[in-house]
Amino acid sequence: MSGGRRVAVVAGGLSNFGVRSATWSELVQEAGHSTFGAVRNFSAKDVDSLFVGAAQPERLAFQSHVAPMAAELLGFEPTKIIQRTELACASGQSAIRSAYAAISAGLSDVAAVLGVEKMNLPSMAEANTSMADVLDRSWDGVHGATAPPFFAMCAQRHMLEYGTTAEQMAMVSEKNHRFANSNPSAQFYSKTFSREKLLKLPMVAPPLRLGDCSSMTDGAAGLLLVSEELARKYTDTPVWIRGTGQHSHFHNLSGAGSLSSWPGLRAAAQEAFRSARMEPKDIDLAEVHDCFTISEILEYEEIGFCPKGKGGQFVADGRSDLGGDVVVNPRGGLLGCGHPLGATGVAQAVEVFQQLQATAPAARAVKGAERALVHNLSGSANVHSLMIYAREN
């Protein structure tokens, strides 16, 4: 992008994702060790800024003021910027965008980014009630318009208008769970899901079955972002942030419009591609927000990987798999890895970093990948955030 300093990602790491006994603080330390523990020439004193993506630590971990807490746990003493970012499911990418903006503007030189969420409480009812906070609580929340019913309505409308099938949605889940089998940090790393099995799982909100839905998950992820001048101090293969876009379309569901189209995503994608000076056909791999299988199908269309209404056929034809047009969710996506809200966007960026560095496991490696996209939605698909990364500056 023009108008500021270039920004590189030079390190990334993860905790294990799943239903964990680990506390919020322990997840921070796991991700911190994985991210910063083996970076060449790195010292905790180098970090001048810290950005922590966390959606609901007050309700899920009973802890606020989490950025200073994370800094102390990791031995950082930020002297320029320290903050938490909250944007529901996009809280982690929001942290990356804030770090990127700070370095680009010259307010920071070395920024650590963490995404953290501890979602599994002793009472699942309490956890599910907390999840409804991202809605217009006084209207949508009390009327039961939580995530599964909302995305089920999106699926129903897409099926009615474009002929999308339950089997095509199961193909999304099958693909992403297969990728997760190559990712030891994924919640469902050791679980195998065939299309036949997925189509027989219990119904959650018709037509969405259990395998169409991502899981409530504990996990953390980290990145190290630096200015261009410092990039090769830490690695010989930096990955560069090339563009970004974001759009907020509505909040109360009465303003959603057609549920089979997400114009906010289309607008945010267009801005991301404009700022990166790229087009959808230039992208080699994409990490998109498959909180539900229908989400990934809609995202193919609105990002521009295929024409409107053709998302189901796009996955059925293998065009989002290895050897296809663009490899989508090679780490396993939210379906295979789980969805710890604040950590998801950062974990997606870690996968892109490893893929563009050519260090991803062979079973999911996108050979020769040079350009990648990360997408997060938040709320009822009313806010969309994207970042584009490239191997060469």
Protein backbone atom coordinates (compact mmCIF):
# COMPACT_ATOMS: atom_id res chain seq x y z
CA MET A 1 0.00 0.00 0.00
CA SER A 2 1.08 3.56 -0.62
CA GLY A 3 1.18 6.35 1.95
CA GLY A 4 3.16 4.69 4.74
CA ARG A 5 6.00 2.39 5.71
CA ARG A 6 5.91 -1.19 4.50
CA VAL A 7 5.15 -3.78 7.17
CA ALA A 8 6.36 -7.39 7.42
CA VAL A 9 5.33 -10.44 9.41
CA VAL A 10 8.48 -12.16 10.67
CA ALA A 11 7.17 -14.79 13.12
CA GLY A 12 4.00 -16.65 14.00
CA GLY A 13 2.91 -19.38 16.39
CA LEU A 14 -0.02 -21.14 18.03
CA SER A 15 -1.25 -22.88 21.12
CA ASN A 16 -3.18 -26.08 20.65
CA PHE A 17 -6.87 -25.44 19.94
CA GLY A 18 -9.63 -27.42 21.63
CA VAL A 19 -11.53 -27.89 24.86
CA ARG A 20 -8.62 -27.09 27.13
CA SER A 21 -8.04 -27.18 30.89
CA ALA A 22 -5.55 -24.34 30.35
CA THR A 23 -6.46 -20.90 31.69
CA TRP A 24 -6.57 -17.70 29.63
CA SER A 25 -3.11 -16.80 30.97
CA GLU A 26 -1.69 -20.22 30.14
CA LEU A 27 -2.98 -19.96 26.57
CA VAL A 28 -1.17 -16.62 26.23
CA GLN A 29 2.06 -18.20 27.41
CA GLU A 30 1.71 -21.18 25.05
CA ALA A 31 1.17 -18.95 22.02
CA GLY A 32 3.91 -16.58 23.17
CA HIS A 33 6.44 -19.37 23.49
CA SER A 34 5.50 -20.75 20.08
CA THR A 35 5.66 -17.33 18.42
CA PHE A 36 8.65 -15.65 20.01
CA GLY A 37 10.66 -18.51 21.48
CA ALA A 38 12.89 -19.23 18.49
CA VAL A 39 12.94 -15.98 16.49
CA ARG A 40 16.42 -15.08 15.29
CA ASN A 41 17.99 -12.10 17.11
CA PHE A 42 14.80 -11.47 19.10
CA SER A 43 14.62 -10.04 22.60
CA ALA A 44 11.50 -9.18 24.58
CA LYS A 45 12.98 -5.69 24.89
CA ASP A 46 12.55 -5.23 21.12
CA VAL A 47 8.75 -5.11 21.41
CA ASP A 48 7.57 -1.51 21.63
CA SER A 49 3.86 -2.24 21.12
CA LEU A 50 1.39 -4.99 21.97
CA PHE A 51 -2.03 -5.59 20.44
CA VAL A 52 -4.29 -8.25 21.98
CA GLY A 53 -7.41 -9.48 20.17
CA ALA A 54 -9.94 -10.82 22.68
CA ALA A 55 -13.69 -10.81 22.17
CA GLN A 56 -15.19 -11.59 25.57
CA PRO A 57 -12.60 -12.19 28.29
CA GLU A 58 -14.83 -10.41 30.84
CA ARG A 59 -17.64 -12.92 30.40
CA LEU A 60 -15.69 -16.04 29.38
CA ALA A 61 -12.52 -15.70 31.49
CA PHE A 62 -13.79 -13.16 34.07
CA GLN A 63 -10.83 -10.90 33.31
CA SER A 64 -10.60 -7.42 31.83
CA HIS A 65 -7.58 -5.14 31.18
CA VAL A 66 -6.02 -8.11 29.44
CA ALA A 67 -3.36 -6.41 27.30
CA PRO A 68 -1.16 -5.33 30.25
CA MET A 69 -1.69 -8.77 31.75
CA ALA A 70 -0.49 -10.46 28.54
CA ALA A 71 2.50 -8.11 28.35
CA GLU A 72 3.63 -9.07 31.84
CA LEU A 73 3.15 -12.77 31.14
CA LEU A 74 5.42 -12.53 28.07
CA GLY A 75 8.03 -10.20 29.57
CA PHE A 76 7.14 -7.25 27.33
CA GLU A 77 7.22 -3.63 28.49
CA PRO A 78 5.58 -1.73 25.61
CA THR A 79 6.69 1.90 25.38
CA LYS A 80 4.60 3.06 22.43
CA ILE A 81 1.20 1.35 22.15
CA ILE A 82 -0.59 -1.27 24.21
CA GLN A 83 -4.24 -2.09 23.61
CA ARG A 84 -6.92 -4.74 23.32
CA THR A 85 -9.10 -4.92 20.21
CA GLU A 86 -12.66 -6.26 20.22
CA LEU A 87 -14.68 -6.99 17.10
CA ALA A 88 -16.38 -10.27 18.01
CA CYS A 89 -15.14 -13.02 15.64
CA ALA A 90 -12.75 -10.57 13.94
CA SER A 91 -11.06 -9.42 17.16
CA GLY A 92 -7.78 -11.11 16.22
CA GLN A 93 -7.59 -9.65 12.74
CA SER A 94 -8.53 -6.28 14.23
CA ALA A 95 -5.40 -6.54 16.37
CA ILE A 96 -3.28 -7.27 13.28
CA ARG A 97 -4.82 -4.36 11.38
CA SER A 98 -4.13 -2.02 14.31
CA ALA A 99 -0.51 -3.17 14.56
CA TYR A 100 -0.10 -2.80 10.81
CA ALA A 101 -1.56 0.71 10.87
CA ALA A 102 0.70 1.74 13.77
CA ILE A 103 3.88 0.55 12.10
CA SER A 104 2.88 1.96 8.72
CA ALA A 105 2.23 5.34 10.36
CA GLY A 106 5.55 5.34 12.19
CA LEU A 107 4.04 5.02 15.67
CA SER A 108 5.67 1.63 16.27
CA ASP A 109 8.61 -0.37 14.91
CA VAL A 110 8.17 -3.81 16.48
CA ALA A 111 4.65 -4.93 17.41
CA ALA A 112 3.59 -8.19 19.00
CA VAL A 113 0.07 -9.39 18.22
CA LEU A 114 -1.84 -11.97 20.23
CA GLY A 115 -5.31 -13.40 19.72
CA VAL A 116 -6.72 -15.25 22.71
CA GLU A 117 -10.05 -16.75 23.75
CA LYS A 118 -10.99 -19.13 26.55
CA MET A 119 -14.54 -20.12 25.58
CA ASN A 120 -15.34 -23.38 27.35
CA LEU A 121 -16.87 -22.72 30.75
CA PRO A 122 -18.14 -25.29 33.26
CA SER A 123 -21.63 -24.19 32.21
CA MET A 124 -22.19 -24.37 28.45
CA ALA A 125 -25.46 -22.48 28.94
CA GLU A 126 -23.51 -19.54 30.34
CA ALA A 127 -21.06 -19.64 27.44
CA ASN A 128 -23.86 -19.73 24.86
CA THR A 129 -25.66 -16.86 26.57
CA SER A 130 -22.48 -14.81 26.39
CA MET A 131 -22.20 -15.48 22.66
CA ALA A 132 -25.52 -13.70 22.12
CA ASP A 133 -23.86 -10.47 23.27
CA VAL A 134 -22.54 -9.84 19.76
CA LEU A 135 -26.11 -9.33 18.52
CA ASP A 136 -28.50 -6.46 19.11
CA ARG A 137 -29.23 -7.98 22.51
CA SER A 138 -32.53 -6.20 23.15
CA TRP A 139 -34.02 -7.36 19.84
CA ASP A 140 -32.21 -10.05 17.85
CA GLY A 141 -30.76 -11.74 20.94
CA VAL A 142 -33.98 -12.16 22.89
CA HIS A 143 -35.79 -13.40 19.78
CA GLY A 144 -33.33 -16.26 19.32
CA ALA A 145 -31.51 -14.97 16.23
CA THR A 146 -28.23 -16.47 17.34
CA ALA A 147 -25.57 -17.67 14.89
CA PRO A 148 -26.96 -21.11 13.87
CA PRO A 149 -30.47 -19.84 13.02
CA PHE A 150 -29.08 -16.81 11.16
CA PHE A 151 -26.69 -18.82 9.00
CA ALA A 152 -29.38 -21.46 8.51
CA MET A 153 -31.58 -18.74 7.01
CA CYS A 154 -28.68 -17.73 4.74
CA ALA A 155 -28.36 -21.36 3.64
CA GLN A 156 -32.08 -21.76 3.04
CA ARG A 157 -32.18 -18.63 0.89
CA HIS A 158 -29.07 -19.59 -1.09
CA MET A 159 -30.48 -23.05 -1.72
CA LEU A 160 -33.79 -21.56 -2.89
CA GLU A 161 -32.23 -19.00 -5.21
CA TYR A 162 -29.23 -20.89 -6.59
CA GLY A 163 -29.86 -24.59 -6.05
CA THR A 164 -27.07 -25.04 -3.51
CA THR A 165 -27.31 -28.46 -1.85
CA ALA A 166 -26.68 -29.99 1.55
CA GLU A 167 -24.11 -32.26 -0.10
CA GLN A 168 -22.15 -29.25 -1.42
CA MET A 169 -22.09 -27.77 2.07
CA ALA A 170 -20.87 -31.12 3.41
CA MET A 171 -18.07 -30.99 0.81
CA VAL A 172 -16.82 -27.79 2.46
CA SER A 173 -16.72 -29.51 5.85
CA GLU A 174 -15.14 -32.67 4.45
CA LYS A 175 -12.36 -30.66 2.76
CA ASN A 176 -11.60 -28.56 5.81
CA HIS A 177 -11.59 -31.48 8.22
CA ARG A 178 -9.23 -33.33 5.88
CA PHE A 179 -6.88 -30.35 5.98
CA ALA A 180 -7.18 -30.27 9.79
CA ASN A 181 -5.85 -33.85 9.88
CA SER A 182 -2.48 -32.36 8.84
CA ASN A 183 -2.58 -29.69 11.57
CA PRO A 184 -1.66 -30.93 15.07
CA SER A 185 -2.89 -27.69 16.66
CA ALA A 186 -6.43 -28.19 15.27
CA GLN A 187 -9.26 -29.18 17.60
CA PHE A 188 -10.30 -32.02 15.27
CA TYR A 189 -6.79 -33.08 14.23
CA SER A 190 -7.46 -36.73 15.06
CA LYS A 191 -11.08 -36.89 13.85
CA THR A 192 -12.07 -38.14 10.38
CA PHE A 193 -15.27 -36.87 8.77
CA SER A 194 -16.43 -38.38 5.50
CA ARG A 195 -19.17 -36.71 3.49
CA GLU A 196 -21.47 -39.62 4.29
CA LYS A 197 -20.86 -39.23 8.02
CA LEU A 198 -21.36 -35.46 7.87
CA LEU A 199 -24.72 -35.83 6.12
CA LYS A 200 -25.98 -38.07 8.94
CA LEU A 201 -24.93 -35.92 11.91
CA PRO A 202 -27.68 -34.36 14.06
CA MET A 203 -29.54 -31.33 12.72
CA VAL A 204 -28.75 -28.05 14.52
CA ALA A 205 -30.80 -25.53 12.53
CA PRO A 206 -32.17 -26.83 9.23
CA PRO A 207 -30.45 -27.33 6.85
CA LEU A 208 -27.30 -27.03 9.00
CA ARG A 209 -26.12 -30.20 10.71
CA LEU A 210 -23.50 -30.47 13.43
CA GLY A 211 -20.69 -30.81 10.89
CA ASP A 212 -21.78 -27.59 9.18
CA CYS A 213 -21.03 -25.60 12.35
CA SER A 214 -17.74 -24.53 13.92
CA SER A 215 -17.05 -25.28 17.57
CA MET A 216 -16.59 -23.25 20.71
CA THR A 217 -12.88 -23.55 21.32
CA ASP A 218 -10.04 -22.46 23.60
CA GLY A 219 -6.90 -21.24 21.89
CA ALA A 220 -4.34 -18.52 21.25
CA ALA A 221 -2.09 -17.41 18.41
CA GLY A 222 0.64 -14.82 17.93
CA LEU A 223 2.49 -12.81 15.29
CA LEU A 224 5.45 -10.47 15.22
CA LEU A 225 5.13 -7.47 12.88
CA VAL A 226 8.00 -5.09 12.12
CA SER A 227 8.87 -2.18 9.88
CA GLU A 228 10.59 -2.86 6.57
CA GLU A 229 13.97 -1.70 7.87
CA LEU A 230 13.99 -4.38 10.58
CA ALA A 231 12.45 -7.31 8.71
CA ARG A 232 15.62 -9.18 7.79
CA LYS A 233 17.03 -8.85 11.27
CA TYR A 234 14.54 -11.53 12.29
CA THR A 235 14.09 -13.70 9.18
CA ASP A 236 15.38 -14.19 5.64
CA THR A 237 11.82 -14.77 4.40
CA PRO A 238 9.51 -12.02 5.65
CA VAL A 239 5.90 -11.98 4.54
CA TRP A 240 4.54 -8.57 3.59
CA ILE A 241 1.14 -7.02 4.25
CA ARG A 242 0.04 -5.69 0.89
CA GLY A 243 -3.55 -4.54 1.38
CA THR A 244 -6.60 -4.47 3.61
CA GLY A 245 -10.29 -3.68 3.50
CA GLN A 246 -13.20 -3.51 5.91
CA HIS A 247 -16.91 -2.75 5.69
CA SER A 248 -19.77 -2.56 8.18
CA HIS A 249 -23.13 -3.08 6.51
CA PHE A 250 -25.76 -3.23 9.31
CA HIS A 251 -26.19 -4.44 12.88
CA ASN A 252 -29.84 -5.14 13.67
CA LEU A 253 -31.08 -7.95 11.44
CA SER A 254 -33.87 -5.73 10.16
CA GLY A 255 -31.18 -4.01 8.07
CA ALA A 256 -29.67 -7.18 6.62
CA GLY A 257 -31.47 -7.18 3.28
CA SER A 258 -31.00 -10.29 1.17
CA LEU A 259 -29.50 -13.15 3.17
CA SER A 260 -28.10 -14.79 0.04
CA SER A 261 -25.79 -11.85 -0.70
CA TRP A 262 -23.27 -10.12 1.53
CA PRO A 263 -22.60 -6.69 -0.06
CA GLY A 264 -20.40 -5.68 2.87
CA LEU A 265 -17.98 -8.48 2.04
CA ARG A 266 -18.03 -7.57 -1.63
CA ALA A 267 -17.18 -3.94 -0.78
CA ALA A 268 -14.43 -4.89 1.70
CA ALA A 269 -12.87 -7.34 -0.78
CA GLN A 270 -12.85 -4.74 -3.53
CA GLU A 271 -11.05 -2.29 -1.23
CA ALA A 272 -8.52 -4.93 -0.18
CA PHE A 273 -7.74 -5.82 -3.79
CA ARG A 274 -7.55 -2.15 -4.78
CA SER A 275 -5.14 -1.33 -1.98
CA ALA A 276 -2.99 -4.39 -2.79
CA ARG A 277 -3.14 -3.70 -6.53
CA MET A 278 -4.35 -7.26 -7.11
CA GLU A 279 -7.39 -9.18 -8.33
CA PRO A 280 -9.04 -12.36 -7.04
CA LYS A 281 -7.28 -14.41 -9.71
CA ASP A 282 -3.92 -13.38 -8.23
CA ILE A 283 -4.57 -15.15 -4.90
CA ASP A 284 -2.96 -18.57 -4.41
CA LEU A 285 -4.54 -19.43 -1.06
CA ALA A 286 -7.19 -17.96 1.18
CA GLU A 287 -8.11 -18.35 4.82
CA VAL A 288 -11.80 -17.43 5.00
CA HIS A 289 -14.31 -17.38 7.82
CA ASP A 290 -16.06 -20.76 7.58
CA CYS A 291 -17.95 -20.45 10.85
CA PHE A 292 -20.62 -22.41 8.96
CA THR A 293 -20.28 -24.26 5.67
CA ILE A 294 -22.64 -21.87 3.90
CA SER A 295 -20.33 -19.03 4.93
CA GLU A 296 -17.44 -20.40 2.89
CA ILE A 297 -19.71 -20.87 -0.13
CA LEU A 298 -20.96 -17.29 0.08
CA GLU A 299 -17.41 -16.05 0.57
CA TYR A 300 -16.19 -17.69 -2.65
CA GLU A 301 -18.78 -15.60 -4.46
CA GLU A 302 -18.51 -12.24 -2.73
CA ILE A 303 -14.69 -12.20 -2.67
CA GLY A 304 -14.77 -12.88 -6.40
CA PHE A 305 -13.37 -16.39 -6.73
CA CYS A 306 -16.47 -17.47 -8.68
CA PRO A 307 -19.69 -15.91 -10.06
CA LYS A 308 -22.68 -15.24 -7.81
CA GLY A 309 -24.66 -18.38 -7.12
CA LYS A 310 -21.85 -20.72 -8.19
CA GLY A 311 -20.19 -21.23 -4.80
CA GLY A 312 -21.67 -24.69 -4.28
CA GLN A 313 -20.44 -25.85 -7.65
CA PHE A 314 -17.05 -24.23 -6.98
CA VAL A 315 -16.38 -26.56 -4.03
CA ALA A 316 -17.99 -29.55 -5.78
CA ASP A 317 -15.59 -29.12 -8.70
CA GLY A 318 -12.56 -29.09 -6.37
CA ARG A 319 -11.68 -25.52 -7.27
CA SER A 320 -11.07 -24.56 -3.61
CA ASP A 321 -8.88 -27.60 -2.91
CA LEU A 322 -5.24 -28.42 -3.59
CA GLY A 323 -4.72 -28.19 -7.33
CA GLY A 324 -7.74 -25.92 -7.77
CA ASP A 325 -8.10 -22.23 -8.56
CA VAL A 326 -7.37 -21.08 -5.01
CA VAL A 327 -6.71 -23.31 -1.99
CA VAL A 328 -9.19 -22.30 0.71
CA ASN A 329 -8.64 -22.95 4.42
CA PRO A 330 -5.63 -25.28 4.18
CA ARG A 331 -5.07 -25.24 7.95
CA GLY A 332 -8.55 -26.75 8.41
CA GLY A 333 -10.61 -23.60 8.75
CA LEU A 334 -12.84 -22.84 11.68
CA LEU A 335 -14.68 -26.09 11.03
CA GLY A 336 -11.59 -28.24 11.49
CA CYS A 337 -9.57 -26.12 13.91
CA GLY A 338 -12.35 -24.73 16.07
CA HIS A 339 -13.17 -21.06 16.56
CA PRO A 340 -11.70 -19.33 19.63
CA LEU A 341 -13.05 -15.89 18.72
CA GLY A 342 -10.07 -13.65 19.45
CA ALA A 343 -7.52 -16.17 18.22
CA THR A 344 -9.05 -17.15 14.87
CA GLY A 345 -7.92 -14.20 12.75
CA VAL A 346 -4.38 -14.43 14.10
CA ALA A 347 -4.26 -18.21 13.55
CA GLN A 348 -5.36 -17.68 9.94
CA ALA A 349 -2.49 -15.22 9.47
CA VAL A 350 -0.04 -17.70 11.02
CA GLU A 351 -1.09 -20.25 8.39
CA VAL A 352 -0.61 -17.73 5.59
CA PHE A 353 2.81 -16.82 7.01
CA GLN A 354 3.89 -20.47 7.05
CA GLN A 355 2.48 -21.16 3.59
CA LEU A 356 4.24 -18.17 2.04
CA GLN A 357 7.45 -19.10 3.82
CA ALA A 358 7.06 -22.64 2.39
CA THR A 359 7.20 -24.17 5.88
CA ALA A 360 3.65 -25.62 6.00
CA PRO A 361 3.39 -29.45 6.19
CA ALA A 362 3.53 -31.16 2.80
CA ALA A 363 0.00 -32.59 3.16
CA ARG A 364 -1.49 -29.11 2.90
CA ALA A 365 1.33 -27.09 1.34
CA VAL A 366 0.31 -24.78 -1.51
CA LYS A 367 3.35 -25.17 -3.74
CA GLY A 368 4.81 -21.96 -5.07
CA ALA A 369 2.31 -19.79 -3.18
CA GLU A 370 3.17 -16.10 -3.39
CA ARG A 371 -0.06 -14.26 -2.50
CA ALA A 372 -2.71 -14.97 0.12
CA LEU A 373 -5.91 -13.50 1.52
CA VAL A 374 -7.41 -13.68 5.01
CA HIS A 375 -11.08 -12.91 5.64
CA ASN A 376 -13.05 -12.63 8.88
CA LEU A 377 -16.69 -11.83 9.36
CA SER A 378 -18.15 -10.74 12.67
CA GLY A 379 -21.61 -10.57 14.17
CA SER A 380 -24.36 -11.67 11.80
CA ALA A 381 -22.04 -11.35 8.79
CA ASN A 382 -22.57 -7.60 9.12
CA VAL A 383 -18.89 -6.64 9.37
CA HIS A 384 -16.22 -8.03 7.05
CA SER A 385 -12.45 -7.57 7.40
CA LEU A 386 -9.77 -8.68 4.93
CA MET A 387 -5.99 -8.61 4.63
CA ILE A 388 -3.78 -9.56 1.70
CA TYR A 389 -0.25 -10.87 2.16
CA ALA A 390 2.59 -11.53 -0.29
CA ARG A 391 5.92 -13.34 -0.19
CA GLU A 392 7.86 -10.63 -1.99
CA ASN A 393 7.70 -6.93 -1.20
